[in-house]
Amino acid sequence: MSVETDETRQRLKAVVHHTVSRLCQKIGEDHRRKFSRQVVAAIAETTFRQCDVFAQDLEAFARHAKRTTVSAEDVKLVARRSTALAIYIQNKSEELAQEQKDMKKKSTGKRKSRETEESRE
């Protein structure tokens, strides 16, 4: 691993640790509990490692399909082992698809109304 890659990895680890710490703090406040530093560090490390596994799996799925870009279908495949995550990702995917359809309709509608106005002139 290059020095730059190692530095990036350490920065990512720090960001994950910070985010996990903030989430634990928020959840602790909501439930009147406190998380020890060791627990926060363990959760952060586990989260980072799981994200690393996800990233490797995503790359492998895209490579297997002879693509250089990870697709939404690859993400769905990674999430298949966790029912809750798979359902969440499926719902988000459907939301995004619907938003894209709505955006296309709006842009097509604007184009048609412009064409109609221009033909009237």
N, C-alpha and C. Protein backbone atom coordinates (compact mmCIF):
# COMPACT_ATOMS: atom_id res chain seq x y z
N MET A 1 0.84 -1.19 0.00
CA MET A 1 0.00 0.00 0.00
C MET A 1 0.88 1.24 0.00
N SER A 2 0.53 2.22 -0.81
CA SER A 2 1.32 3.45 -0.86
C SER A 2 1.05 4.30 0.37
N VAL A 3 1.92 5.25 0.60
CA VAL A 3 1.77 6.15 1.75
C VAL A 3 0.48 6.94 1.63
N GLU A 4 0.18 7.40 0.41
CA GLU A 4 -1.04 8.17 0.18
C GLU A 4 -2.28 7.33 0.47
N THR A 5 -2.28 6.08 0.01
CA THR A 5 -3.41 5.18 0.25
C THR A 5 -3.57 4.92 1.74
N ASP A 6 -2.45 4.72 2.42
CA ASP A 6 -2.49 4.47 3.86
C ASP A 6 -3.03 5.69 4.61
N GLU A 7 -2.62 6.87 4.19
CA GLU A 7 -3.12 8.10 4.82
C GLU A 7 -4.62 8.25 4.59
N THR A 8 -5.06 7.96 3.39
CA THR A 8 -6.49 8.05 3.08
C THR A 8 -7.28 7.06 3.93
N ARG A 9 -6.74 5.85 4.05
CA ARG A 9 -7.39 4.82 4.86
C ARG A 9 -7.49 5.26 6.32
N GLN A 10 -6.43 5.86 6.84
CA GLN A 10 -6.44 6.33 8.23
C GLN A 10 -7.45 7.46 8.42
N ARG A 11 -7.54 8.35 7.43
CA ARG A 11 -8.53 9.43 7.51
C ARG A 11 -9.95 8.87 7.48
N LEU A 12 -10.18 7.89 6.62
CA LEU A 12 -11.50 7.25 6.56
C LEU A 12 -11.84 6.59 7.89
N LYS A 13 -10.86 5.91 8.47
CA LYS A 13 -11.07 5.27 9.77
C LYS A 13 -11.43 6.30 10.83
N ALA A 14 -10.75 7.44 10.79
CA ALA A 14 -11.01 8.50 11.76
C ALA A 14 -12.43 9.05 11.58
N VAL A 15 -12.85 9.21 10.34
CA VAL A 15 -14.19 9.72 10.07
C VAL A 15 -15.25 8.72 10.54
N VAL A 16 -15.02 7.45 10.26
CA VAL A 16 -15.96 6.41 10.72
C VAL A 16 -16.02 6.42 12.24
N HIS A 17 -14.87 6.50 12.90
CA HIS A 17 -14.84 6.52 14.37
C HIS A 17 -15.61 7.72 14.90
N HIS A 18 -15.39 8.88 14.29
CA HIS A 18 -16.08 10.09 14.73
C HIS A 18 -17.60 9.95 14.56
N THR A 19 -18.01 9.43 13.42
CA THR A 19 -19.44 9.25 13.15
C THR A 19 -20.07 8.26 14.11
N VAL A 20 -19.39 7.14 14.34
CA VAL A 20 -19.89 6.14 15.28
C VAL A 20 -19.99 6.74 16.67
N SER A 21 -18.99 7.52 17.05
CA SER A 21 -18.99 8.16 18.36
C SER A 21 -20.20 9.08 18.52
N ARG A 22 -20.46 9.88 17.49
CA ARG A 22 -21.61 10.80 17.54
C ARG A 22 -22.94 10.03 17.60
N LEU A 23 -23.04 8.95 16.82
CA LEU A 23 -24.26 8.14 16.85
C LEU A 23 -24.46 7.48 18.21
N CYS A 24 -23.38 6.96 18.78
CA CYS A 24 -23.47 6.34 20.10
C CYS A 24 -23.87 7.38 21.15
N GLN A 25 -23.32 8.56 21.03
CA GLN A 25 -23.66 9.64 21.96
C GLN A 25 -25.15 9.98 21.86
N LYS A 26 -25.65 10.11 20.64
CA LYS A 26 -27.06 10.44 20.42
C LYS A 26 -27.97 9.33 20.94
N ILE A 27 -27.65 8.10 20.60
CA ILE A 27 -28.45 6.96 21.05
C ILE A 27 -28.39 6.85 22.57
N GLY A 28 -27.20 7.09 23.12
CA GLY A 28 -27.05 7.06 24.58
C GLY A 28 -27.92 8.10 25.27
N GLU A 29 -27.97 9.30 24.70
CA GLU A 29 -28.81 10.35 25.27
C GLU A 29 -30.29 9.97 25.18
N ASP A 30 -30.68 9.40 24.05
CA ASP A 30 -32.08 9.01 23.87
C ASP A 30 -32.51 7.92 24.83
N HIS A 31 -31.59 7.04 25.20
CA HIS A 31 -31.92 5.89 26.05
C HIS A 31 -31.30 5.97 27.44
N ARG A 32 -30.76 7.13 27.76
CA ARG A 32 -30.11 7.37 29.06
C ARG A 32 -29.07 6.29 29.39
N ARG A 33 -28.21 6.06 28.43
CA ARG A 33 -27.11 5.11 28.57
C ARG A 33 -25.83 5.80 28.14
N LYS A 34 -24.72 5.21 28.54
CA LYS A 34 -23.44 5.74 28.14
C LYS A 34 -22.60 4.61 27.54
N PHE A 35 -21.90 4.92 26.45
CA PHE A 35 -21.03 3.95 25.79
C PHE A 35 -19.60 4.23 26.20
N SER A 36 -18.86 3.19 26.57
CA SER A 36 -17.46 3.38 26.92
C SER A 36 -16.65 3.62 25.64
N ARG A 37 -15.47 4.17 25.81
CA ARG A 37 -14.60 4.41 24.64
C ARG A 37 -14.25 3.12 23.93
N GLN A 38 -14.06 2.05 24.71
CA GLN A 38 -13.71 0.76 24.11
C GLN A 38 -14.85 0.23 23.24
N VAL A 39 -16.08 0.41 23.70
CA VAL A 39 -17.23 -0.06 22.93
C VAL A 39 -17.35 0.74 21.64
N VAL A 40 -17.21 2.06 21.73
CA VAL A 40 -17.27 2.91 20.55
C VAL A 40 -16.18 2.51 19.56
N ALA A 41 -14.97 2.28 20.07
CA ALA A 41 -13.85 1.88 19.20
C ALA A 41 -14.13 0.53 18.54
N ALA A 42 -14.71 -0.40 19.29
CA ALA A 42 -15.02 -1.73 18.73
C ALA A 42 -16.09 -1.62 17.65
N ILE A 43 -17.12 -0.83 17.90
CA ILE A 43 -18.17 -0.65 16.90
C ILE A 43 -17.60 0.03 15.65
N ALA A 44 -16.76 1.04 15.85
CA ALA A 44 -16.16 1.76 14.72
C ALA A 44 -15.27 0.82 13.90
N GLU A 45 -14.47 0.02 14.56
CA GLU A 45 -13.59 -0.92 13.86
C GLU A 45 -14.40 -1.96 13.08
N THR A 46 -15.43 -2.48 13.71
CA THR A 46 -16.30 -3.46 13.04
C THR A 46 -16.99 -2.83 11.83
N THR A 47 -17.46 -1.61 12.00
CA THR A 47 -18.12 -0.90 10.90
C THR A 47 -17.15 -0.68 9.76
N PHE A 48 -15.94 -0.24 10.08
CA PHE A 48 -14.94 0.01 9.04
C PHE A 48 -14.60 -1.28 8.29
N ARG A 49 -14.40 -2.35 9.02
CA ARG A 49 -14.07 -3.63 8.37
C ARG A 49 -15.21 -4.12 7.49
N GLN A 50 -16.46 -3.95 7.97
CA GLN A 50 -17.61 -4.38 7.17
C GLN A 50 -17.72 -3.55 5.90
N CYS A 51 -17.47 -2.26 6.00
CA CYS A 51 -17.48 -1.41 4.80
C CYS A 51 -16.39 -1.83 3.83
N ASP A 52 -15.24 -2.22 4.35
CA ASP A 52 -14.15 -2.70 3.51
C ASP A 52 -14.57 -3.97 2.76
N VAL A 53 -15.23 -4.88 3.47
CA VAL A 53 -15.73 -6.11 2.84
C VAL A 53 -16.76 -5.77 1.77
N PHE A 54 -17.68 -4.84 2.09
CA PHE A 54 -18.68 -4.42 1.11
C PHE A 54 -18.00 -3.86 -0.14
N ALA A 55 -17.00 -3.01 0.05
CA ALA A 55 -16.30 -2.39 -1.08
C ALA A 55 -15.64 -3.45 -1.96
N GLN A 56 -14.99 -4.42 -1.33
CA GLN A 56 -14.34 -5.49 -2.10
C GLN A 56 -15.38 -6.31 -2.86
N ASP A 57 -16.51 -6.61 -2.20
CA ASP A 57 -17.57 -7.37 -2.87
C ASP A 57 -18.14 -6.58 -4.05
N LEU A 58 -18.36 -5.28 -3.85
CA LEU A 58 -18.90 -4.45 -4.94
C LEU A 58 -17.96 -4.44 -6.14
N GLU A 59 -16.67 -4.31 -5.87
CA GLU A 59 -15.69 -4.34 -6.96
C GLU A 59 -15.73 -5.69 -7.68
N ALA A 60 -15.83 -6.76 -6.92
CA ALA A 60 -15.84 -8.10 -7.51
C ALA A 60 -17.09 -8.31 -8.36
N PHE A 61 -18.24 -7.85 -7.88
CA PHE A 61 -19.48 -8.01 -8.65
C PHE A 61 -19.40 -7.24 -9.96
N ALA A 62 -18.90 -6.00 -9.91
CA ALA A 62 -18.78 -5.20 -11.13
C ALA A 62 -17.78 -5.84 -12.09
N ARG A 63 -16.65 -6.30 -11.56
CA ARG A 63 -15.63 -6.94 -12.40
C ARG A 63 -16.19 -8.21 -13.04
N HIS A 64 -16.95 -8.98 -12.27
CA HIS A 64 -17.54 -10.21 -12.79
C HIS A 64 -18.48 -9.91 -13.96
N ALA A 65 -19.19 -8.80 -13.88
CA ALA A 65 -20.11 -8.39 -14.95
C ALA A 65 -19.38 -7.64 -16.07
N LYS A 66 -18.04 -7.60 -15.98
CA LYS A 66 -17.19 -6.92 -16.97
C LYS A 66 -17.51 -5.43 -17.08
N ARG A 67 -17.76 -4.82 -15.90
CA ARG A 67 -18.01 -3.39 -15.83
C ARG A 67 -16.94 -2.74 -14.98
N THR A 68 -16.73 -1.46 -15.21
CA THR A 68 -15.78 -0.71 -14.38
C THR A 68 -16.51 0.14 -13.36
N THR A 69 -17.83 0.20 -13.48
CA THR A 69 -18.64 1.01 -12.57
C THR A 69 -19.54 0.11 -11.75
N VAL A 70 -19.62 0.39 -10.46
CA VAL A 70 -20.52 -0.35 -9.57
C VAL A 70 -21.94 0.15 -9.82
N SER A 71 -22.88 -0.77 -9.94
CA SER A 71 -24.27 -0.40 -10.21
C SER A 71 -25.14 -0.61 -8.97
N ALA A 72 -26.37 -0.13 -9.05
CA ALA A 72 -27.33 -0.32 -7.96
C ALA A 72 -27.59 -1.81 -7.74
N GLU A 73 -27.57 -2.58 -8.81
CA GLU A 73 -27.78 -4.02 -8.69
C GLU A 73 -26.66 -4.68 -7.88
N ASP A 74 -25.44 -4.18 -8.01
CA ASP A 74 -24.32 -4.69 -7.22
C ASP A 74 -24.56 -4.41 -5.74
N VAL A 75 -25.05 -3.22 -5.45
CA VAL A 75 -25.32 -2.84 -4.06
C VAL A 75 -26.41 -3.75 -3.48
N LYS A 76 -27.43 -4.03 -4.27
CA LYS A 76 -28.50 -4.92 -3.82
C LYS A 76 -27.96 -6.32 -3.53
N LEU A 77 -27.03 -6.77 -4.36
CA LEU A 77 -26.42 -8.09 -4.13
C LEU A 77 -25.63 -8.12 -2.82
N VAL A 78 -24.89 -7.05 -2.54
CA VAL A 78 -24.12 -6.99 -1.30
C VAL A 78 -25.05 -7.03 -0.09
N ALA A 79 -26.20 -6.39 -0.21
CA ALA A 79 -27.12 -6.26 0.93
C ALA A 79 -27.99 -7.50 1.15
N ARG A 80 -27.92 -8.46 0.26
CA ARG A 80 -28.83 -9.60 0.32
C ARG A 80 -28.75 -10.41 1.61
N ARG A 81 -27.62 -10.37 2.31
CA ARG A 81 -27.46 -11.15 3.54
C ARG A 81 -28.19 -10.54 4.74
N SER A 82 -28.49 -9.26 4.63
CA SER A 82 -29.20 -8.57 5.71
C SER A 82 -30.57 -8.17 5.20
N THR A 83 -31.60 -8.83 5.70
CA THR A 83 -32.95 -8.57 5.21
C THR A 83 -33.34 -7.11 5.36
N ALA A 84 -33.09 -6.53 6.54
CA ALA A 84 -33.46 -5.14 6.79
C ALA A 84 -32.72 -4.20 5.84
N LEU A 85 -31.44 -4.43 5.65
CA LEU A 85 -30.65 -3.60 4.74
C LEU A 85 -31.12 -3.77 3.30
N ALA A 86 -31.41 -4.99 2.91
CA ALA A 86 -31.87 -5.26 1.54
C ALA A 86 -33.19 -4.55 1.27
N ILE A 87 -34.10 -4.59 2.24
CA ILE A 87 -35.40 -3.92 2.08
C ILE A 87 -35.19 -2.41 1.99
N TYR A 88 -34.33 -1.87 2.85
CA TYR A 88 -34.06 -0.43 2.85
C TYR A 88 -33.48 0.00 1.50
N ILE A 89 -32.51 -0.74 1.02
CA ILE A 89 -31.87 -0.40 -0.26
C ILE A 89 -32.85 -0.54 -1.42
N GLN A 90 -33.68 -1.57 -1.39
CA GLN A 90 -34.69 -1.75 -2.43
C GLN A 90 -35.65 -0.56 -2.45
N ASN A 91 -36.11 -0.13 -1.27
CA ASN A 91 -37.02 1.01 -1.18
C ASN A 91 -36.36 2.29 -1.69
N LYS A 92 -35.10 2.51 -1.29
CA LYS A 92 -34.38 3.70 -1.76
C LYS A 92 -34.19 3.66 -3.27
N SER A 93 -33.88 2.50 -3.79
CA SER A 93 -33.69 2.34 -5.23
C SER A 93 -34.98 2.69 -5.98
N GLU A 94 -36.10 2.22 -5.46
CA GLU A 94 -37.39 2.52 -6.09
C GLU A 94 -37.70 4.01 -5.99
N GLU A 95 -37.39 4.63 -4.84
CA GLU A 95 -37.60 6.08 -4.67
C GLU A 95 -36.79 6.86 -5.70
N LEU A 96 -35.52 6.50 -5.83
CA LEU A 96 -34.65 7.19 -6.79
C LEU A 96 -35.14 7.02 -8.22
N ALA A 97 -35.57 5.83 -8.55
CA ALA A 97 -36.08 5.57 -9.89
C ALA A 97 -37.32 6.42 -10.16
N GLN A 98 -38.19 6.52 -9.17
CA GLN A 98 -39.40 7.33 -9.33
C GLN A 98 -39.04 8.81 -9.47
N GLU A 99 -38.08 9.29 -8.68
CA GLU A 99 -37.64 10.68 -8.78
C GLU A 99 -37.07 10.97 -10.17
N GLN A 100 -36.29 10.02 -10.70
CA GLN A 100 -35.72 10.21 -12.04
C GLN A 100 -36.82 10.26 -13.09
N LYS A 101 -37.84 9.42 -12.95
CA LYS A 101 -38.97 9.45 -13.89
C LYS A 101 -39.68 10.80 -13.81
N ASP A 102 -39.90 11.27 -12.58
CA ASP A 102 -40.57 12.56 -12.39
C ASP A 102 -39.76 13.70 -13.01
N MET A 103 -38.44 13.65 -12.83
CA MET A 103 -37.58 14.70 -13.40
C MET A 103 -37.64 14.66 -14.92
N LYS A 104 -37.66 13.49 -15.51
CA LYS A 104 -37.74 13.36 -16.97
C LYS A 104 -39.07 13.91 -17.47
N LYS A 105 -40.15 13.61 -16.75
CA LYS A 105 -41.46 14.11 -17.15
C LYS A 105 -41.49 15.63 -17.12
N LYS A 106 -40.89 16.20 -16.06
CA LYS A 106 -40.87 17.65 -15.94
C LYS A 106 -40.07 18.29 -17.07
N SER A 107 -38.89 17.73 -17.36
CA SER A 107 -38.06 18.30 -18.42
C SER A 107 -38.71 18.10 -19.79
N THR A 108 -39.36 16.99 -20.00
CA THR A 108 -40.07 16.74 -21.26
C THR A 108 -41.26 17.68 -21.38
N GLY A 109 -41.95 17.90 -20.27
CA GLY A 109 -43.09 18.81 -20.27
C GLY A 109 -42.68 20.23 -20.58
N LYS A 110 -41.55 20.67 -20.03
CA LYS A 110 -41.04 22.02 -20.30
C LYS A 110 -40.68 22.14 -21.77
N ARG A 111 -40.04 21.13 -22.32
CA ARG A 111 -39.61 21.15 -23.71
C ARG A 111 -40.83 21.22 -24.63
N LYS A 112 -41.86 20.42 -24.31
CA LYS A 112 -43.07 20.41 -25.14
C LYS A 112 -43.78 21.76 -25.07
N SER A 113 -43.84 22.36 -23.88
CA SER A 113 -44.52 23.65 -23.76
C SER A 113 -43.75 24.73 -24.52
N ARG A 114 -42.43 24.68 -24.52
CA ARG A 114 -41.62 25.64 -25.28
C ARG A 114 -41.87 25.47 -26.79
N GLU A 115 -41.89 24.21 -27.21
CA GLU A 115 -42.13 23.93 -28.63
C GLU A 115 -43.51 24.42 -29.04
N THR A 116 -44.49 24.24 -28.18
CA THR A 116 -45.86 24.68 -28.45
C THR A 116 -45.90 26.20 -28.57
N GLU A 117 -45.20 26.90 -27.63
CA GLU A 117 -45.16 28.36 -27.67
C GLU A 117 -44.47 28.85 -28.93
N GLU A 118 -43.38 28.21 -29.32
CA GLU A 118 -42.63 28.63 -30.51
C GLU A 118 -43.46 28.40 -31.77
N SER A 119 -44.23 27.33 -31.83
CA SER A 119 -45.03 27.05 -33.02
C SER A 119 -46.20 28.02 -33.14
N ARG A 120 -46.65 28.59 -32.03
CA ARG A 120 -47.75 29.57 -32.06
C ARG A 120 -47.28 30.90 -32.60
N GLU A 121 -46.01 31.19 -32.43
CA GLU A 121 -45.48 32.50 -32.84
C GLU A 121 -45.28 32.60 -34.27
